[in-house]
PDB file of N, CA and C in Angstrom:
ATOM      1  N   MET A   1      73.575 -60.352 -40.230  1.00  0.00           N
ATOM      2  CA  MET A   1      72.381 -60.700 -40.597  1.00  0.00           C
ATOM      3  C   MET A   1      70.952 -60.338 -40.844  1.00  0.00           C
ATOM      4  N   LYS A   2      70.843 -59.285 -40.199  1.00  0.00           N
ATOM      5  CA  LYS A   2      69.660 -58.153 -40.906  1.00  0.00           C
ATOM      6  C   LYS A   2      69.695 -58.221 -42.648  1.00  0.00           C
ATOM      7  N   SER A   3      71.223 -57.787 -43.542  1.00  0.00           N
ATOM      8  CA  SER A   3      70.798 -58.283 -44.727  1.00  0.00           C
ATOM      9  C   SER A   3      70.324 -58.937 -45.982  1.00  0.00           C
ATOM     10  N   ASN A   4      69.903 -60.422 -44.681  1.00  0.00           N
ATOM     11  CA  ASN A   4      69.247 -62.021 -45.872  1.00  0.00           C
ATOM     12  C   ASN A   4      68.578 -61.434 -44.414  1.00  0.00           C
ATOM     13  N   GLU A   5      67.908 -60.578 -44.735  1.00  0.00           N
ATOM     14  CA  GLU A   5      66.121 -60.907 -43.740  1.00  0.00           C
ATOM     15  C   GLU A   5      64.963 -60.095 -44.696  1.00  0.00           C
ATOM     16  N   VAL A   6      64.155 -61.241 -44.917  1.00  0.00           N
ATOM     17  CA  VAL A   6      62.642 -60.753 -46.464  1.00  0.00           C
ATOM     18  C   VAL A   6      62.028 -60.603 -44.861  1.00  0.00           C
ATOM     19  N   TYR A   7      61.329 -59.829 -44.818  1.00  0.00           N
ATOM     20  CA  TYR A   7      59.619 -60.057 -44.870  1.00  0.00           C
ATOM     21  C   TYR A   7      58.337 -60.164 -45.889  1.00  0.00           C
ATOM     22  N   ILE A   8      57.498 -61.663 -45.374  1.00  0.00           N
ATOM     23  CA  ILE A   8      56.418 -61.708 -45.709  1.00  0.00           C
ATOM     24  C   ILE A   8      55.371 -61.826 -45.164  1.00  0.00           C
ATOM     25  N   ALA A   9      54.672 -61.243 -45.237  1.00  0.00           N
ATOM     26  CA  ALA A   9      52.954 -60.586 -44.334  1.00  0.00           C
ATOM     27  C   ALA A   9      53.302 -60.636 -43.240  1.00  0.00           C
ATOM     28  N   LYS A  10      54.335 -59.355 -43.023  1.00  0.00           N
ATOM     29  CA  LYS A  10      54.800 -59.292 -41.778  1.00  0.00           C
ATOM     30  C   LYS A  10      55.193 -60.038 -41.239  1.00  0.00           C
ATOM     31  N   CYS A  11      55.851 -60.906 -41.610  1.00  0.00           N
ATOM     32  CA  CYS A  11      56.968 -62.044 -41.081  1.00  0.00           C
ATOM     33  C   CYS A  11      58.386 -62.140 -41.486  1.00  0.00           C
ATOM     34  N   LYS A  12      58.873 -61.897 -40.595  1.00  0.00           N
ATOM     35  CA  LYS A  12      60.714 -61.918 -41.261  1.00  0.00           C
ATOM     36  C   LYS A  12      61.027 -63.498 -41.440  1.00  0.00           C
ATOM     37  N   VAL A  13      61.714 -63.900 -42.607  1.00  0.00           N
ATOM     38  CA  VAL A  13      61.909 -65.140 -43.214  1.00  0.00           C
ATOM     39  C   VAL A  13      63.940 -65.118 -43.597  1.00  0.00           C
ATOM     40  N   SER A  14      64.462 -65.088 -42.894  1.00  0.00           N
ATOM     41  CA  SER A  14      65.960 -65.295 -43.452  1.00  0.00           C
ATOM     42  C   SER A  14      66.176 -66.197 -44.515  1.00  0.00           C
ATOM     43  N   ASN A  15      66.476 -65.214 -45.387  1.00  0.00           N
ATOM     44  CA  ASN A  15      67.012 -65.382 -46.813  1.00  0.00           C
ATOM     45  C   ASN A  15      68.460 -66.127 -47.395  1.00  0.00           C
ATOM     46  N   LEU A  16      68.836 -67.332 -46.370  1.00  0.00           N
ATOM     47  CA  LEU A  16      69.275 -68.085 -47.131  1.00  0.00           C
ATOM     48  C   LEU A  16      70.071 -69.456 -46.910  1.00  0.00           C
ATOM     49  N   ASP A  17      70.929 -69.508 -48.555  1.00  0.00           N
ATOM     50  CA  ASP A  17      70.537 -71.060 -48.138  1.00  0.00           C
ATOM     51  C   ASP A  17      71.645 -71.618 -47.527  1.00  0.00           C
ATOM     52  N   SER A  18      71.096 -73.197 -47.815  1.00  0.00           N
ATOM     53  CA  SER A  18      71.691 -74.263 -47.267  1.00  0.00           C
ATOM     54  C   SER A  18      72.836 -73.797 -45.925  1.00  0.00           C
ATOM     55  N   ASP A  19      74.459 -73.562 -46.980  1.00  0.00           N
ATOM     56  CA  ASP A  19      75.311 -73.799 -46.434  1.00  0.00           C
ATOM     57  C   ASP A  19      75.456 -72.364 -46.028  1.00  0.00           C
ATOM     58  N   GLU A  20      75.117 -70.990 -46.174  1.00  0.00           N
ATOM     59  CA  GLU A  20      74.753 -69.602 -45.479  1.00  0.00           C
ATOM     60  C   GLU A  20      73.840 -69.958 -44.087  1.00  0.00           C
ATOM     61  N   LEU A  21      72.949 -70.766 -43.904  1.00  0.00           N
ATOM     62  CA  LEU A  21      72.154 -71.069 -42.418  1.00  0.00           C
ATOM     63  C   LEU A  21      73.343 -72.076 -41.758  1.00  0.00           C
ATOM     64  N   LEU A  22      73.439 -73.191 -42.438  1.00  0.00           N
ATOM     65  CA  LEU A  22      74.648 -74.115 -41.309  1.00  0.00           C
ATOM     66  C   LEU A  22      76.293 -72.341 -41.229  1.00  0.00           C
ATOM     67  N   ASP A  23      76.151 -71.933 -41.887  1.00  0.00           N
ATOM     68  CA  ASP A  23      77.719 -70.712 -41.869  1.00  0.00           C
ATOM     69  C   ASP A  23      76.845 -70.019 -40.537  1.00  0.00           C
ATOM     70  N   ALA A  24      76.005 -69.551 -40.424  1.00  0.00           N
ATOM     71  CA  ALA A  24      75.230 -68.007 -39.384  1.00  0.00           C
ATOM     72  C   ALA A  24      75.212 -69.205 -37.934  1.00  0.00           C
ATOM     73  N   VAL A  25      74.430 -70.831 -38.135  1.00  0.00           N
ATOM     74  CA  VAL A  25      74.269 -71.487 -36.929  1.00  0.00           C
ATOM     75  C   VAL A  25      75.966 -71.591 -36.469  1.00  0.00           C
ATOM     76  N   ASN A  26      76.835 -71.446 -36.860  1.00  0.00           N
ATOM     77  CA  ASN A  26      77.807 -71.920 -36.708  1.00  0.00           C
ATOM     78  C   ASN A  26      78.374 -70.465 -35.624  1.00  0.00           C
ATOM     79  N   GLU A  27      78.398 -69.660 -36.714  1.00  0.00           N
ATOM     80  CA  GLU A  27      78.759 -68.206 -35.708  1.00  0.00           C
ATOM     81  C   GLU A  27      77.936 -68.313 -34.602  1.00  0.00           C
ATOM     82  N   TYR A  28      76.370 -67.918 -34.293  1.00  0.00           N
ATOM     83  CA  TYR A  28      76.297 -68.346 -33.161  1.00  0.00           C
ATOM     84  C   TYR A  28      76.629 -69.525 -32.135  1.00  0.00           C
ATOM     85  N   ALA A  29      76.637 -69.939 -32.703  1.00  0.00           N
ATOM     86  CA  ALA A  29      76.792 -71.950 -31.418  1.00  0.00           C
ATOM     87  C   ALA A  29      78.616 -71.026 -30.997  1.00  0.00           C
ATOM     88  N   GLN A  30      79.647 -70.483 -32.245  1.00  0.00           N
ATOM     89  CA  GLN A  30      80.914 -69.835 -31.271  1.00  0.00           C
ATOM     90  C   GLN A  30      81.090 -68.956 -30.868  1.00  0.00           C
ATOM     91  N   ASP A  31      79.772 -67.800 -30.381  1.00  0.00           N
ATOM     92  CA  ASP A  31      79.180 -66.561 -30.053  1.00  0.00           C
ATOM     93  C   ASP A  31      80.264 -67.105 -29.143  1.00  0.00           C
ATOM     94  N   GLN A  32      81.334 -66.502 -28.103  1.00  0.00           N
ATOM     95  CA  GLN A  32      81.547 -67.246 -26.914  1.00  0.00           C
ATOM     96  C   GLN A  32      81.852 -65.458 -25.229  1.00  0.00           C
ATOM     97  N   HIS A  33      81.103 -64.070 -26.851  1.00  0.00           N
ATOM     98  CA  HIS A  33      80.327 -63.416 -25.861  1.00  0.00           C
ATOM     99  C   HIS A  33      78.763 -63.090 -24.628  1.00  0.00           C
ATOM    100  N   SER A  34      77.829 -64.194 -25.847  1.00  0.00           N
ATOM    101  CA  SER A  34      77.092 -64.350 -25.531  1.00  0.00           C
ATOM    102  C   SER A  34      76.695 -65.638 -24.744  1.00  0.00           C
ATOM    103  N   SER A  35      75.812 -65.280 -23.925  1.00  0.00           N
ATOM    104  CA  SER A  35      75.564 -65.921 -22.276  1.00  0.00           C
ATOM    105  C   SER A  35      73.915 -66.557 -23.756  1.00  0.00           C
ATOM    106  N   ASP A  36      72.924 -65.420 -24.002  1.00  0.00           N
ATOM    107  CA  ASP A  36      71.837 -65.939 -24.149  1.00  0.00           C
ATOM    108  C   ASP A  36      72.163 -66.686 -25.748  1.00  0.00           C
ATOM    109  N   PRO A  37      70.696 -68.087 -25.379  1.00  0.00           N
ATOM    110  CA  PRO A  37      70.760 -68.536 -26.514  1.00  0.00           C
ATOM    111  C   PRO A  37      69.910 -67.555 -28.108  1.00  0.00           C
ATOM    112  N   ALA A  38      70.271 -68.463 -29.129  1.00  0.00           N
ATOM    113  CA  ALA A  38      70.268 -67.711 -30.274  1.00  0.00           C
ATOM    114  C   ALA A  38      68.917 -68.745 -30.855  1.00  0.00           C
ATOM    115  N   VAL A  39      67.745 -68.717 -31.064  1.00  0.00           N
ATOM    116  CA  VAL A  39      66.803 -69.267 -31.538  1.00  0.00           C
ATOM    117  C   VAL A  39      66.455 -68.705 -33.226  1.00  0.00           C
ATOM    118  N   MET A  40      66.116 -69.712 -33.116  1.00  0.00           N
ATOM    119  CA  MET A  40      65.953 -70.975 -34.337  1.00  0.00           C
ATOM    120  C   MET A  40      65.010 -71.572 -35.189  1.00  0.00           C
ATOM    121  N   LEU A  41      63.569 -70.275 -36.093  1.00  0.00           N
ATOM    122  CA  LEU A  41      61.899 -70.868 -36.102  1.00  0.00           C
ATOM    123  C   LEU A  41      62.431 -70.886 -37.666  1.00  0.00           C
ATOM    124  N   SER A  42      60.506 -71.930 -37.890  1.00  0.00           N
ATOM    125  CA  SER A  42      60.469 -72.361 -39.877  1.00  0.00           C
ATOM    126  C   SER A  42      59.852 -71.474 -39.200  1.00  0.00           C
ATOM    127  N   ALA A  43      59.813 -70.685 -41.031  1.00  0.00           N
ATOM    128  CA  ALA A  43      58.685 -70.856 -41.570  1.00  0.00           C
ATOM    129  C   ALA A  43      57.387 -71.329 -42.992  1.00  0.00           C
ATOM    130  N   ASN A  44      56.305 -71.058 -41.955  1.00  0.00           N
ATOM    131  CA  ASN A  44      55.452 -72.349 -43.143  1.00  0.00           C
ATOM    132  C   ASN A  44      54.184 -71.180 -43.501  1.00  0.00           C
ATOM    133  N   ILE A  45      53.251 -71.566 -44.691  1.00  0.00           N
ATOM    134  CA  ILE A  45      52.184 -70.592 -44.327  1.00  0.00           C
ATOM    135  C   ILE A  45      51.994 -70.867 -43.697  1.00  0.00           C
ATOM    136  N   HIS A  46      51.487 -71.740 -42.217  1.00  0.00           N
ATOM    137  CA  HIS A  46      50.449 -72.255 -41.688  1.00  0.00           C
ATOM    138  C   HIS A  46      50.910 -71.144 -40.683  1.00  0.00           C
ATOM    139  N   GLY A  47      52.105 -71.429 -40.118  1.00  0.00           N
ATOM    140  CA  GLY A  47      52.910 -70.354 -39.149  1.00  0.00           C
ATOM    141  C   GLY A  47      52.871 -69.307 -39.130  1.00  0.00           C
ATOM    142  N   ILE A  48      52.704 -68.893 -41.334  1.00  0.00           N
ATOM    143  CA  ILE A  48      52.168 -66.702 -41.298  1.00  0.00           C
ATOM    144  C   ILE A  48      50.595 -66.855 -40.480  1.00  0.00           C
ATOM    145  N   ASN A  49      50.323 -67.614 -41.171  1.00  0.00           N
ATOM    146  CA  ASN A  49      49.063 -67.779 -40.545  1.00  0.00           C
ATOM    147  C   ASN A  49      47.864 -67.600 -39.185  1.00  0.00           C
ATOM    148  N   GLN A  50      49.109 -68.434 -38.581  1.00  0.00           N
ATOM    149  CA  GLN A  50      49.433 -68.232 -36.890  1.00  0.00           C
ATOM    150  C   GLN A  50      49.470 -66.748 -36.370  1.00  0.00           C
ATOM    151  N   ALA A  51      50.772 -66.343 -37.173  1.00  0.00           N
ATOM    152  CA  ALA A  51      51.032 -65.110 -36.650  1.00  0.00           C
ATOM    153  C   ALA A  51      50.168 -64.021 -36.570  1.00  0.00           C
ATOM    154  N   HIS A  52      49.462 -63.769 -37.126  1.00  0.00           N
ATOM    155  CA  HIS A  52      49.504 -63.243 -37.548  1.00  0.00           C
ATOM    156  C   HIS A  52      47.443 -62.672 -36.691  1.00  0.00           C
ATOM    157  N   LYS A  53      46.738 -64.444 -36.387  1.00  0.00           N
ATOM    158  CA  LYS A  53      45.887 -64.829 -35.363  1.00  0.00           C
ATOM    159  C   LYS A  53      45.736 -64.439 -34.428  1.00  0.00           C
ATOM    160  N   TYR A  54      47.879 -64.379 -33.737  1.00  0.00           N
ATOM    161  CA  TYR A  54      48.241 -65.169 -32.120  1.00  0.00           C
ATOM    162  C   TYR A  54      49.641 -64.141 -32.366  1.00  0.00           C
ATOM    163  N   LYS A  55      49.338 -62.395 -32.324  1.00  0.00           N
ATOM    164  CA  LYS A  55      50.622 -61.374 -32.156  1.00  0.00           C
ATOM    165  C   LYS A  55      51.839 -61.449 -31.745  1.00  0.00           C
ATOM    166  N   TRP A  56      51.601 -62.639 -30.062  1.00  0.00           N
ATOM    167  CA  TRP A  56      53.119 -63.208 -29.404  1.00  0.00           C
ATOM    168  C   TRP A  56      53.490 -64.193 -30.336  1.00  0.00           C
ATOM    169  N   LEU A  57      52.953 -64.855 -31.033  1.00  0.00           N
ATOM    170  CA  LEU A  57      53.767 -65.281 -32.172  1.00  0.00           C
ATOM    171  C   LEU A  57      54.613 -64.893 -33.617  1.00  0.00           C
ATOM    172  N   LEU A  58      54.158 -64.174 -33.253  1.00  0.00           N
ATOM    173  CA  LEU A  58      54.553 -62.936 -34.761  1.00  0.00           C
ATOM    174  C   LEU A  58      55.555 -61.975 -34.205  1.00  0.00           C
ATOM    175  N   ARG A  59      55.789 -61.703 -32.631  1.00  0.00           N
ATOM    176  CA  ARG A  59      57.033 -61.357 -31.725  1.00  0.00           C
ATOM    177  C   ARG A  59      58.083 -62.071 -32.016  1.00  0.00           C
ATOM    178  N   MET A  60      57.565 -63.113 -31.699  1.00  0.00           N
ATOM    179  CA  MET A  60      58.845 -64.750 -31.138  1.00  0.00           C
ATOM    180  C   MET A  60      59.710 -63.927 -32.346  1.00  0.00           C
ATOM    181  N   ASN A  61      58.461 -64.912 -33.621  1.00  0.00           N
ATOM    182  CA  ASN A  61      59.145 -65.205 -35.253  1.00  0.00           C
ATOM    183  C   ASN A  61      60.318 -64.008 -35.824  1.00  0.00           C
ATOM    184  N   ASN A  62      59.680 -63.000 -35.531  1.00  0.00           N
ATOM    185  CA  ASN A  62      60.530 -61.996 -36.091  1.00  0.00           C
ATOM    186  C   ASN A  62      61.167 -61.388 -34.922  1.00  0.00           C
ATOM    187  N   ASP A  63      61.869 -61.661 -33.369  1.00  0.00           N
ATOM    188  CA  ASP A  63      63.290 -61.729 -32.951  1.00  0.00           C
ATOM    189  C   ASP A  63      63.141 -63.408 -32.562  1.00  0.00           C
ATOM    190  N   ALA A  64      63.570 -63.918 -33.247  1.00  0.00           N
ATOM    191  CA  ALA A  64      64.531 -64.556 -33.833  1.00  0.00           C
ATOM    192  C   ALA A  64      65.448 -64.567 -34.114  1.00  0.00           C
ATOM    193  N   GLU A  65      66.614 -64.700 -34.212  1.00  0.00           N
ATOM    194  CA  GLU A  65      67.776 -64.824 -34.989  1.00  0.00           C
ATOM    195  C   GLU A  65      67.708 -65.453 -36.498  1.00  0.00           C
ATOM    196  N   LEU A  66      67.653 -66.847 -36.678  1.00  0.00           N
ATOM    197  CA  LEU A  66      67.438 -67.319 -37.730  1.00  0.00           C
ATOM    198  C   LEU A  66      65.844 -67.956 -37.338  1.00  0.00           C
ATOM    199  N   VAL A  67      65.350 -67.660 -38.936  1.00  0.00           N
ATOM    200  CA  VAL A  67      64.156 -68.145 -39.382  1.00  0.00           C
ATOM    201  C   VAL A  67      64.356 -68.643 -41.056  1.00  0.00           C
ATOM    202  N   ARG A  68      63.767 -69.760 -40.478  1.00  0.00           N
ATOM    203  CA  ARG A  68      64.475 -70.885 -41.880  1.00  0.00           C
ATOM    204  C   ARG A  68      63.023 -70.885 -42.639  1.00  0.00           C
ATOM    205  N   ASN A  69      63.965 -70.965 -44.005  1.00  0.00           N
ATOM    206  CA  ASN A  69      62.160 -71.598 -44.779  1.00  0.00           C
ATOM    207  C   ASN A  69      61.988 -72.983 -45.196  1.00  0.00           C
ATOM    208  N   ASP A  70      61.126 -73.165 -44.387  1.00  0.00           N
ATOM    209  CA  ASP A  70      59.906 -74.858 -44.082  1.00  0.00           C
ATOM    210  C   ASP A  70      59.299 -74.445 -45.787  1.00  0.00           C
ATOM    211  N   SER A  71      59.016 -74.668 -45.900  1.00  0.00           N
ATOM    212  CA  SER A  71      58.231 -74.536 -47.212  1.00  0.00           C
ATOM    213  C   SER A  71      57.789 -73.651 -48.624  1.00  0.00           C
ATOM    214  N   ALA A  72      57.199 -74.622 -49.913  1.00  0.00           N
ATOM    215  CA  ALA A  72      57.560 -74.039 -51.475  1.00  0.00           C
ATOM    216  C   ALA A  72      56.667 -72.699 -51.174  1.00  0.00           C
ATOM    217  N   GLY A  73      55.665 -73.317 -50.145  1.00  0.00           N
ATOM    218  CA  GLY A  73      54.275 -71.267 -50.778  1.00  0.00           C
ATOM    219  C   GLY A  73      55.231 -70.376 -49.901  1.00  0.00           C
ATOM    220  N   ILE A  74      56.081 -70.626 -49.677  1.00  0.00           N
ATOM    221  CA  ILE A  74      56.432 -68.984 -48.547  1.00  0.00           C
ATOM    222  C   ILE A  74      57.599 -69.011 -49.743  1.00  0.00           C
ATOM    223  N   GLN A  75      58.714 -69.550 -50.284  1.00  0.00           N
ATOM    224  CA  GLN A  75      58.679 -69.288 -52.065  1.00  0.00           C
ATOM    225  C   GLN A  75      58.332 -68.612 -52.435  1.00  0.00           C
ATOM    226  N   LEU A  76      56.879 -69.233 -53.164  1.00  0.00           N
ATOM    227  CA  LEU A  76      55.647 -68.606 -54.211  1.00  0.00           C
ATOM    228  C   LEU A  76      55.491 -67.282 -53.116  1.00  0.00           C
ATOM    229  N   ALA A  77      55.253 -67.042 -52.710  1.00  0.00           N
ATOM    230  CA  ALA A  77      54.780 -65.641 -51.867  1.00  0.00           C
ATOM    231  C   ALA A  77      56.092 -64.832 -52.242  1.00  0.00           C
ATOM    232  N   GLY A  78      57.096 -64.655 -51.810  1.00  0.00           N
ATOM    233  CA  GLY A  78      58.396 -63.949 -52.110  1.00  0.00           C
ATOM    234  C   GLY A  78      58.303 -64.051 -54.066  1.00  0.00           C
ATOM    235  N   LYS A  79      57.985 -64.880 -54.179  1.00  0.00           N
ATOM    236  CA  LYS A  79      58.917 -64.832 -55.994  1.00  0.00           C
ATOM    237  C   LYS A  79      57.467 -63.995 -56.404  1.00  0.00           C
ATOM    238  N   ILE A  80      56.275 -63.553 -55.740  1.00  0.00           N
ATOM    239  CA  ILE A  80      55.197 -62.933 -55.997  1.00  0.00           C
ATOM    240  C   ILE A  80      55.012 -61.528 -55.542  1.00  0.00           C
ATOM    241  N   LEU A  81      56.228 -61.636 -54.836  1.00  0.00           N
ATOM    242  CA  LEU A  81      56.031 -60.405 -54.172  1.00  0.00           C
ATOM    243  C   LEU A  81      57.864 -59.863 -54.767  1.00  0.00           C
ATOM    244  N   GLY A  82      58.335 -59.991 -55.314  1.00  0.00           N
ATOM    245  CA  GLY A  82      59.256 -59.663 -56.010  1.00  0.00           C
ATOM    246  C   GLY A  82      60.588 -59.913 -55.066  1.00  0.00           C
ATOM    247  N   VAL A  83      60.360 -60.614 -54.403  1.00  0.00           N
ATOM    248  CA  VAL A  83      61.386 -60.998 -53.328  1.00  0.00           C
ATOM    249  C   VAL A  83      62.109 -61.947 -53.842  1.00  0.00           C
ATOM    250  N   PRO A  84      62.705 -63.461 -54.734  1.00  0.00           N
ATOM    251  CA  PRO A  84      63.285 -64.213 -54.478  1.00  0.00           C
ATOM    252  C   PRO A  84      63.753 -65.646 -52.953  1.00  0.00           C
ATOM    253  N   ILE A  85      62.959 -66.280 -53.020  1.00  0.00           N
ATOM    254  CA  ILE A  85      64.635 -67.009 -51.389  1.00  0.00           C
ATOM    255  C   ILE A  85      64.564 -67.929 -51.790  1.00  0.00           C
ATOM    256  N   LYS A  86      65.816 -67.877 -51.606  1.00  0.00           N
ATOM    257  CA  LYS A  86      67.129 -68.154 -52.180  1.00  0.00           C
ATOM    258  C   LYS A  86      66.632 -69.619 -52.159  1.00  0.00           C
ATOM    259  N   GLU A  87      66.645 -70.630 -50.484  1.00  0.00           N
ATOM    260  CA  GLU A  87      66.443 -71.906 -50.651  1.00  0.00           C
ATOM    261  C   GLU A  87      64.731 -72.262 -50.088  1.00  0.00           C
ATOM    262  N   ARG A  88      64.045 -74.334 -50.392  1.00  0.00           N
ATOM    263  CA  ARG A  88      63.249 -74.342 -49.461  1.00  0.00           C
ATOM    264  C   ARG A  88      64.023 -75.095 -48.403  1.00  0.00           C
ATOM    265  N   MET A  89      64.351 -75.563 -46.831  1.00  0.00           N
ATOM    266  CA  MET A  89      65.169 -75.807 -46.656  1.00  0.00           C
ATOM    267  C   MET A  89      63.648 -76.883 -45.282  1.00  0.00           C
ATOM    268  N   THR A  90      64.017 -77.864 -44.913  1.00  0.00           N
ATOM    269  CA  THR A  90      62.633 -79.226 -44.470  1.00  0.00           C
ATOM    270  C   THR A  90      63.836 -79.205 -43.663  1.00  0.00           C
ATOM    271  N   TRP A  91      63.132 -79.622 -41.712  1.00  0.00           N
ATOM    272  CA  TRP A  91      64.507 -80.501 -40.993  1.00  0.00           C
ATOM    273  C   TRP A  91      64.803 -81.306 -41.580  1.00  0.00           C
ATOM    274  N   ALA A  92      64.151 -81.878 -42.546  1.00  0.00           N
ATOM    275  CA  ALA A  92      65.233 -83.405 -43.057  1.00  0.00           C
ATOM    276  C   ALA A  92      66.391 -83.083 -44.141  1.00  0.00           C
ATOM    277  N   ASP A  93      66.000 -82.146 -44.837  1.00  0.00           N
ATOM    278  CA  ASP A  93      66.919 -82.265 -45.856  1.00  0.00           C
ATOM    279  C   ASP A  93      67.446 -81.070 -44.954  1.00  0.00           C
ATOM    280  N   PHE A  94      67.744 -80.235 -43.515  1.00  0.00           N
ATOM    281  CA  PHE A  94      69.340 -79.710 -42.675  1.00  0.00           C
ATOM    282  C   PHE A  94      69.963 -80.407 -41.653  1.00  0.00           C
ATOM    283  N   ARG A  95      69.061 -81.388 -41.065  1.00  0.00           N
ATOM    284  CA  ARG A  95      69.370 -82.093 -39.911  1.00  0.00           C
ATOM    285  C   ARG A  95      71.117 -82.713 -40.281  1.00  0.00           C
ATOM    286  N   LEU A  96      71.213 -83.056 -42.075  1.00  0.00           N
ATOM    287  CA  LEU A  96      72.344 -83.942 -41.703  1.00  0.00           C
ATOM    288  C   LEU A  96      73.586 -82.535 -41.761  1.00  0.00           C
ATOM    289  N   GLY A  97      73.523 -81.540 -42.456  1.00  0.00           N
ATOM    290  CA  GLY A  97      74.713 -80.753 -41.987  1.00  0.00           C
ATOM    291  C   GLY A  97      74.516 -79.963 -40.517  1.00  0.00           C
ATOM    292  N   PHE A  98      73.358 -80.131 -40.676  1.00  0.00           N
ATOM    293  CA  PHE A  98      73.009 -79.354 -39.307  1.00  0.00           C
ATOM    294  C   PHE A  98      74.612 -80.164 -38.123  1.00  0.00           C
ATOM    295  N   GLY A  99      73.890 -81.296 -37.899  1.00  0.00           N
ATOM    296  CA  GLY A  99      73.793 -82.009 -36.738  1.00  0.00           C
ATOM    297  C   GLY A  99      76.143 -82.080 -37.687  1.00  0.00           C
ATOM    298  N   ARG A 100      77.149 -81.460 -38.382  1.00  0.00           N
ATOM    299  CA  ARG A 100      78.312 -81.418 -38.737  1.00  0.00           C
ATOM    300  C   ARG A 100      78.246 -80.630 -38.103  1.00  0.00           C
ATOM    301  N   VAL A 101      77.937 -79.143 -37.900  1.00  0.00           N
ATOM    302  CA  VAL A 101      78.954 -78.083 -37.211  1.00  0.00           C
ATOM    303  C   VAL A 101      78.516 -78.435 -35.581  1.00  0.00           C
ATOM    304  N   LEU A 102      77.419 -79.273 -35.730  1.00  0.00           N
ATOM    305  CA  LEU A 102      77.442 -78.803 -34.148  1.00  0.00           C
ATOM    306  C   LEU A 102      78.675 -79.547 -33.178  1.00  0.00           C
TER     307      LEU A 102
END
């Protein structure tokens, strides 16, 4: 998964489209060798600002297996930094595909 990670203001974002994200969730769910839960978080500008205020949040974000882009602001930041973010997925957009995976 590491090759699909980008950093916006030192915060990890998984640069995946919805199909790639669903595939990654499915892989983590199917992993029979791991007893540890996989963590999927959402990235938005407010969360990035909070992560700089609270270092534990920055560590939690960057340690998560998946960090889904939930913000047009994240996409804009990626564009400005020359790292285009593939897709913005709100929970409302993502929930139907997520239900099919589980």
